Amino acid sequence: MCTFVLVTFAWIFFRAETISDAVHYIIRLFTKPDIWNLFNNSVYSLGLDLLQMNILFIMLTIIIILDYVQYKTARRIDCFLMSQNWGFQGMIYIILFIICFVFGMYGPAYNAQEFIYFQF
């Protein structure tokens, strides 16, 4: 979790045009939180439409539930899956494959060159 937070924080410097922009984003992140922007439809101007926001919400909910189950049972998810029968394992792997296949495509406007490393 700590690594994820640090890497995500470091991405600010990769996406910003200048160092001063990155510093401005960081300062704004901690000094001007405005939770109501999530509810006044201005969040859609940031690049995700309603469908993509719903997908994001569903996936985050699944991740939080899986993390909570892992925390409460003190077992890793992969160990839990390996202790299940082969039918259940197969069903989970097929569902994961479909999720990766369907949500891994970003539509005709998606350009892999514009990912986070496009400035290099």
N, C-alpha and C. Protein backbone atom coordinates (compact mmCIF):
# COMPACT_ATOMS: atom_id res chain seq x y z
N MET A 1 0.82 -1.19 0.00
CA MET A 1 0.00 0.00 0.00
C MET A 1 0.87 1.26 0.00
N CYS A 2 1.91 1.25 0.79
CA CYS A 2 2.81 2.40 0.86
C CYS A 2 3.48 2.64 -0.50
N THR A 3 3.89 1.58 -1.14
CA THR A 3 4.52 1.71 -2.45
C THR A 3 3.54 2.30 -3.46
N PHE A 4 2.31 1.83 -3.43
CA PHE A 4 1.29 2.36 -4.35
C PHE A 4 1.09 3.85 -4.14
N VAL A 5 0.99 4.28 -2.89
CA VAL A 5 0.78 5.69 -2.59
C VAL A 5 1.98 6.52 -3.07
N LEU A 6 3.19 6.03 -2.82
CA LEU A 6 4.37 6.78 -3.25
C LEU A 6 4.49 6.86 -4.77
N VAL A 7 4.21 5.76 -5.44
CA VAL A 7 4.29 5.76 -6.91
C VAL A 7 3.21 6.66 -7.50
N THR A 8 2.00 6.58 -6.97
CA THR A 8 0.92 7.43 -7.44
C THR A 8 1.25 8.90 -7.22
N PHE A 9 1.83 9.22 -6.09
CA PHE A 9 2.25 10.59 -5.81
C PHE A 9 3.34 11.03 -6.79
N ALA A 10 4.27 10.14 -7.10
CA ALA A 10 5.35 10.48 -8.03
C ALA A 10 4.84 10.70 -9.45
N TRP A 11 3.72 10.09 -9.82
CA TRP A 11 3.16 10.28 -11.16
C TRP A 11 2.75 11.73 -11.40
N ILE A 12 2.51 12.46 -10.34
CA ILE A 12 2.17 13.87 -10.50
C ILE A 12 3.29 14.59 -11.25
N PHE A 13 4.52 14.26 -10.95
CA PHE A 13 5.66 14.92 -11.60
C PHE A 13 5.81 14.49 -13.05
N PHE A 14 5.36 13.29 -13.40
CA PHE A 14 5.43 12.84 -14.79
C PHE A 14 4.35 13.49 -15.65
N ARG A 15 3.19 13.74 -15.07
CA ARG A 15 2.08 14.28 -15.84
C ARG A 15 2.09 15.80 -15.92
N ALA A 16 2.70 16.47 -14.98
CA ALA A 16 2.70 17.93 -14.98
C ALA A 16 3.63 18.45 -16.07
N GLU A 17 3.28 19.61 -16.61
CA GLU A 17 4.09 20.23 -17.65
C GLU A 17 5.42 20.72 -17.09
N THR A 18 5.38 21.33 -15.91
CA THR A 18 6.59 21.86 -15.28
C THR A 18 6.60 21.44 -13.81
N ILE A 19 7.74 21.63 -13.17
CA ILE A 19 7.86 21.32 -11.74
C ILE A 19 6.94 22.24 -10.94
N SER A 20 6.83 23.51 -11.34
CA SER A 20 5.95 24.42 -10.61
C SER A 20 4.49 23.99 -10.72
N ASP A 21 4.10 23.44 -11.88
CA ASP A 21 2.74 22.90 -12.00
C ASP A 21 2.54 21.73 -11.05
N ALA A 22 3.53 20.86 -10.96
CA ALA A 22 3.43 19.71 -10.06
C ALA A 22 3.31 20.15 -8.61
N VAL A 23 4.11 21.13 -8.24
CA VAL A 23 4.04 21.65 -6.87
C VAL A 23 2.67 22.28 -6.62
N HIS A 24 2.16 23.01 -7.62
CA HIS A 24 0.83 23.61 -7.50
C HIS A 24 -0.24 22.52 -7.31
N TYR A 25 -0.16 21.43 -8.07
CA TYR A 25 -1.12 20.33 -7.92
C TYR A 25 -1.05 19.73 -6.51
N ILE A 26 0.16 19.55 -6.02
CA ILE A 26 0.33 18.95 -4.69
C ILE A 26 -0.22 19.88 -3.61
N ILE A 27 0.08 21.16 -3.73
CA ILE A 27 -0.43 22.12 -2.74
C ILE A 27 -1.96 22.14 -2.78
N ARG A 28 -2.51 22.15 -3.98
CA ARG A 28 -3.98 22.17 -4.11
C ARG A 28 -4.59 20.87 -3.59
N LEU A 29 -3.90 19.79 -3.76
CA LEU A 29 -4.39 18.50 -3.28
C LEU A 29 -4.62 18.50 -1.78
N PHE A 30 -3.74 19.17 -1.05
CA PHE A 30 -3.83 19.16 0.40
C PHE A 30 -4.48 20.40 1.01
N THR A 31 -4.60 21.48 0.25
CA THR A 31 -5.13 22.71 0.84
C THR A 31 -6.53 23.07 0.37
N LYS A 32 -6.96 22.59 -0.78
CA LYS A 32 -8.28 22.95 -1.28
C LYS A 32 -9.10 21.72 -1.64
N PRO A 33 -9.33 20.83 -0.69
CA PRO A 33 -10.19 19.69 -1.03
C PRO A 33 -11.64 20.16 -1.16
N ASP A 34 -12.26 19.77 -2.22
CA ASP A 34 -13.65 20.14 -2.46
C ASP A 34 -14.42 18.89 -2.84
N ILE A 35 -14.95 18.21 -1.84
CA ILE A 35 -15.64 16.94 -2.05
C ILE A 35 -16.89 17.12 -2.88
N TRP A 36 -17.46 18.32 -2.92
CA TRP A 36 -18.70 18.54 -3.65
C TRP A 36 -18.49 18.49 -5.16
N ASN A 37 -17.25 18.58 -5.62
CA ASN A 37 -16.99 18.43 -7.05
C ASN A 37 -17.36 17.04 -7.56
N LEU A 38 -17.42 16.08 -6.66
CA LEU A 38 -17.83 14.73 -7.06
C LEU A 38 -19.32 14.67 -7.36
N PHE A 39 -20.08 15.63 -6.88
CA PHE A 39 -21.53 15.56 -7.00
C PHE A 39 -22.15 16.64 -7.88
N ASN A 40 -21.37 17.57 -8.39
CA ASN A 40 -21.95 18.65 -9.19
C ASN A 40 -21.65 18.48 -10.69
N ASN A 41 -21.29 17.29 -11.11
CA ASN A 41 -21.02 16.93 -12.51
C ASN A 41 -19.78 17.59 -13.09
N SER A 42 -19.03 18.37 -12.32
CA SER A 42 -17.80 18.95 -12.85
C SER A 42 -16.69 17.90 -12.96
N VAL A 43 -16.85 16.77 -12.29
CA VAL A 43 -15.84 15.72 -12.36
C VAL A 43 -15.78 15.11 -13.77
N TYR A 44 -16.88 15.23 -14.52
CA TYR A 44 -16.89 14.68 -15.88
C TYR A 44 -16.03 15.49 -16.84
N SER A 45 -15.65 16.68 -16.46
CA SER A 45 -14.77 17.48 -17.30
C SER A 45 -13.31 17.05 -17.17
N LEU A 46 -13.04 16.11 -16.29
CA LEU A 46 -11.66 15.65 -16.08
C LEU A 46 -11.25 14.51 -16.99
N GLY A 47 -12.18 14.01 -17.80
CA GLY A 47 -11.80 13.00 -18.78
C GLY A 47 -12.58 11.71 -18.74
N LEU A 48 -13.37 11.46 -17.72
CA LEU A 48 -14.17 10.25 -17.64
C LEU A 48 -15.64 10.60 -17.80
N ASP A 49 -16.34 9.80 -18.60
CA ASP A 49 -17.77 10.04 -18.71
C ASP A 49 -18.52 9.23 -17.66
N LEU A 50 -19.84 9.28 -17.68
CA LEU A 50 -20.65 8.64 -16.65
C LEU A 50 -20.42 7.12 -16.61
N LEU A 51 -20.37 6.48 -17.77
CA LEU A 51 -20.15 5.02 -17.82
C LEU A 51 -18.81 4.66 -17.21
N GLN A 52 -17.76 5.37 -17.57
CA GLN A 52 -16.44 5.08 -17.04
C GLN A 52 -16.36 5.35 -15.55
N MET A 53 -17.05 6.37 -15.07
CA MET A 53 -17.08 6.63 -13.63
C MET A 53 -17.80 5.50 -12.89
N ASN A 54 -18.87 4.98 -13.47
CA ASN A 54 -19.58 3.85 -12.86
C ASN A 54 -18.70 2.61 -12.82
N ILE A 55 -17.97 2.35 -13.89
CA ILE A 55 -17.05 1.21 -13.92
C ILE A 55 -15.97 1.39 -12.86
N LEU A 56 -15.43 2.59 -12.76
CA LEU A 56 -14.42 2.88 -11.75
C LEU A 56 -14.97 2.65 -10.35
N PHE A 57 -16.18 3.12 -10.08
CA PHE A 57 -16.80 2.94 -8.78
C PHE A 57 -17.00 1.46 -8.46
N ILE A 58 -17.48 0.69 -9.42
CA ILE A 58 -17.70 -0.75 -9.21
C ILE A 58 -16.39 -1.46 -8.93
N MET A 59 -15.36 -1.16 -9.71
CA MET A 59 -14.07 -1.82 -9.52
C MET A 59 -13.44 -1.44 -8.18
N LEU A 60 -13.55 -0.18 -7.79
CA LEU A 60 -13.02 0.22 -6.49
C LEU A 60 -13.79 -0.46 -5.36
N THR A 61 -15.08 -0.61 -5.52
CA THR A 61 -15.87 -1.31 -4.51
C THR A 61 -15.44 -2.77 -4.39
N ILE A 62 -15.20 -3.42 -5.51
CA ILE A 62 -14.73 -4.81 -5.49
C ILE A 62 -13.38 -4.91 -4.80
N ILE A 63 -12.48 -4.00 -5.11
CA ILE A 63 -11.15 -4.03 -4.49
C ILE A 63 -11.25 -3.82 -2.99
N ILE A 64 -12.09 -2.89 -2.57
CA ILE A 64 -12.24 -2.63 -1.13
C ILE A 64 -12.84 -3.86 -0.43
N ILE A 65 -13.81 -4.49 -1.04
CA ILE A 65 -14.41 -5.70 -0.45
C ILE A 65 -13.38 -6.82 -0.35
N LEU A 66 -12.62 -7.04 -1.41
CA LEU A 66 -11.60 -8.08 -1.38
C LEU A 66 -10.53 -7.79 -0.32
N ASP A 67 -10.15 -6.54 -0.21
CA ASP A 67 -9.16 -6.16 0.79
C ASP A 67 -9.71 -6.36 2.20
N TYR A 68 -10.97 -6.04 2.41
CA TYR A 68 -11.59 -6.23 3.72
C TYR A 68 -11.69 -7.71 4.07
N VAL A 69 -12.08 -8.54 3.09
CA VAL A 69 -12.16 -9.98 3.34
C VAL A 69 -10.78 -10.53 3.67
N GLN A 70 -9.77 -10.09 2.94
CA GLN A 70 -8.41 -10.54 3.21
C GLN A 70 -7.97 -10.12 4.61
N TYR A 71 -8.31 -8.91 5.01
CA TYR A 71 -7.95 -8.41 6.34
C TYR A 71 -8.66 -9.20 7.43
N LYS A 72 -9.94 -9.49 7.25
CA LYS A 72 -10.72 -10.18 8.28
C LYS A 72 -10.35 -11.66 8.40
N THR A 73 -10.04 -12.30 7.28
CA THR A 73 -9.74 -13.74 7.32
C THR A 73 -8.27 -14.03 7.51
N ALA A 74 -7.42 -13.03 7.38
CA ALA A 74 -5.97 -13.18 7.50
C ALA A 74 -5.42 -14.19 6.48
N ARG A 75 -6.11 -14.30 5.35
CA ARG A 75 -5.64 -15.17 4.26
C ARG A 75 -5.56 -14.34 2.99
N ARG A 76 -4.53 -14.58 2.23
CA ARG A 76 -4.41 -13.90 0.95
C ARG A 76 -5.46 -14.47 -0.01
N ILE A 77 -5.88 -13.65 -0.95
CA ILE A 77 -6.92 -14.06 -1.89
C ILE A 77 -6.45 -15.23 -2.75
N ASP A 78 -5.18 -15.23 -3.16
CA ASP A 78 -4.70 -16.34 -3.99
C ASP A 78 -4.70 -17.66 -3.21
N CYS A 79 -4.37 -17.61 -1.92
CA CYS A 79 -4.44 -18.83 -1.09
C CYS A 79 -5.87 -19.30 -0.93
N PHE A 80 -6.79 -18.36 -0.78
CA PHE A 80 -8.20 -18.72 -0.70
C PHE A 80 -8.66 -19.39 -1.98
N LEU A 81 -8.27 -18.83 -3.13
CA LEU A 81 -8.68 -19.43 -4.41
C LEU A 81 -8.09 -20.82 -4.61
N MET A 82 -6.85 -21.00 -4.19
CA MET A 82 -6.22 -22.32 -4.36
C MET A 82 -6.86 -23.38 -3.47
N SER A 83 -7.53 -22.98 -2.41
CA SER A 83 -8.18 -23.95 -1.53
C SER A 83 -9.58 -24.32 -2.01
N GLN A 84 -10.07 -23.64 -3.05
CA GLN A 84 -11.41 -23.92 -3.59
C GLN A 84 -11.33 -25.02 -4.65
N ASN A 85 -12.49 -25.56 -5.03
CA ASN A 85 -12.51 -26.61 -6.05
C ASN A 85 -12.20 -26.02 -7.42
N TRP A 86 -11.90 -26.88 -8.37
CA TRP A 86 -11.44 -26.42 -9.68
C TRP A 86 -12.54 -25.69 -10.45
N GLY A 87 -13.80 -26.02 -10.22
CA GLY A 87 -14.90 -25.33 -10.91
C GLY A 87 -14.99 -23.87 -10.50
N PHE A 88 -14.89 -23.62 -9.20
CA PHE A 88 -14.93 -22.25 -8.70
C PHE A 88 -13.72 -21.47 -9.18
N GLN A 89 -12.55 -22.09 -9.16
CA GLN A 89 -11.33 -21.44 -9.64
C GLN A 89 -11.47 -21.08 -11.11
N GLY A 90 -11.96 -22.02 -11.90
CA GLY A 90 -12.13 -21.77 -13.33
C GLY A 90 -13.09 -20.63 -13.60
N MET A 91 -14.19 -20.59 -12.84
CA MET A 91 -15.17 -19.53 -13.01
C MET A 91 -14.55 -18.16 -12.69
N ILE A 92 -13.78 -18.09 -11.62
CA ILE A 92 -13.12 -16.83 -11.24
C ILE A 92 -12.12 -16.40 -12.32
N TYR A 93 -11.33 -17.34 -12.83
CA TYR A 93 -10.35 -17.00 -13.86
C TYR A 93 -11.04 -16.54 -15.14
N ILE A 94 -12.14 -17.15 -15.51
CA ILE A 94 -12.88 -16.73 -16.71
C ILE A 94 -13.45 -15.33 -16.50
N ILE A 95 -14.01 -15.05 -15.33
CA ILE A 95 -14.54 -13.73 -15.03
C ILE A 95 -13.43 -12.68 -15.09
N LEU A 96 -12.28 -12.99 -14.51
CA LEU A 96 -11.16 -12.05 -14.54
C LEU A 96 -10.67 -11.80 -15.97
N PHE A 97 -10.65 -12.85 -16.78
CA PHE A 97 -10.24 -12.70 -18.18
C PHE A 97 -11.21 -11.80 -18.93
N ILE A 98 -12.50 -12.01 -18.72
CA ILE A 98 -13.51 -11.19 -19.40
C ILE A 98 -13.40 -9.74 -18.96
N ILE A 99 -13.21 -9.52 -17.66
CA ILE A 99 -13.05 -8.15 -17.17
C ILE A 99 -11.84 -7.48 -17.81
N CYS A 100 -10.71 -8.19 -17.87
CA CYS A 100 -9.51 -7.62 -18.49
C CYS A 100 -9.73 -7.36 -19.98
N PHE A 101 -10.42 -8.26 -20.64
CA PHE A 101 -10.64 -8.11 -22.08
C PHE A 101 -11.59 -6.96 -22.38
N VAL A 102 -12.70 -6.90 -21.65
CA VAL A 102 -13.70 -5.87 -21.92
C VAL A 102 -13.22 -4.50 -21.48
N PHE A 103 -12.69 -4.39 -20.26
CA PHE A 103 -12.30 -3.09 -19.74
C PHE A 103 -10.89 -2.69 -20.15
N GLY A 104 -10.17 -3.57 -20.79
CA GLY A 104 -8.84 -3.23 -21.26
C GLY A 104 -8.85 -2.46 -22.56
N MET A 105 -9.99 -2.39 -23.21
CA MET A 105 -10.12 -1.64 -24.45
C MET A 105 -10.73 -0.29 -24.13
N TYR A 106 -10.11 0.76 -24.60
CA TYR A 106 -10.54 2.09 -24.23
C TYR A 106 -11.23 2.83 -25.36
N GLY A 107 -11.67 2.14 -26.36
CA GLY A 107 -12.41 2.78 -27.44
C GLY A 107 -11.51 3.30 -28.55
N PRO A 108 -12.13 3.81 -29.60
CA PRO A 108 -11.36 4.24 -30.77
C PRO A 108 -10.50 5.47 -30.50
N ALA A 109 -10.83 6.26 -29.50
CA ALA A 109 -10.04 7.47 -29.21
C ALA A 109 -8.82 7.17 -28.36
N TYR A 110 -8.69 5.93 -27.88
CA TYR A 110 -7.56 5.59 -27.01
C TYR A 110 -6.28 5.50 -27.83
N ASN A 111 -5.25 6.16 -27.35
CA ASN A 111 -3.95 6.13 -27.99
C ASN A 111 -2.92 5.75 -26.94
N ALA A 112 -2.28 4.60 -27.11
CA ALA A 112 -1.32 4.12 -26.12
C ALA A 112 -0.13 5.06 -25.98
N GLN A 113 0.16 5.84 -26.99
CA GLN A 113 1.29 6.76 -26.93
C GLN A 113 1.03 7.89 -25.95
N GLU A 114 -0.23 8.15 -25.61
CA GLU A 114 -0.56 9.24 -24.71
C GLU A 114 -0.69 8.79 -23.27
N PHE A 115 -0.16 7.62 -22.98
CA PHE A 115 -0.20 7.14 -21.60
C PHE A 115 0.75 7.99 -20.77
N ILE A 116 1.00 7.62 -19.56
CA ILE A 116 1.73 8.45 -18.61
C ILE A 116 3.17 8.74 -19.06
N TYR A 117 3.74 7.89 -19.89
CA TYR A 117 5.14 8.08 -20.29
C TYR A 117 5.28 8.79 -21.63
N PHE A 118 4.20 9.39 -22.14
CA PHE A 118 4.28 9.99 -23.46
C PHE A 118 5.22 11.17 -23.52
N GLN A 119 5.56 11.78 -22.39
CA GLN A 119 6.45 12.95 -22.40
C GLN A 119 7.91 12.57 -22.57
N PHE A 120 8.25 11.32 -22.45
CA PHE A 120 9.65 10.93 -22.57
C PHE A 120 10.05 10.91 -24.00
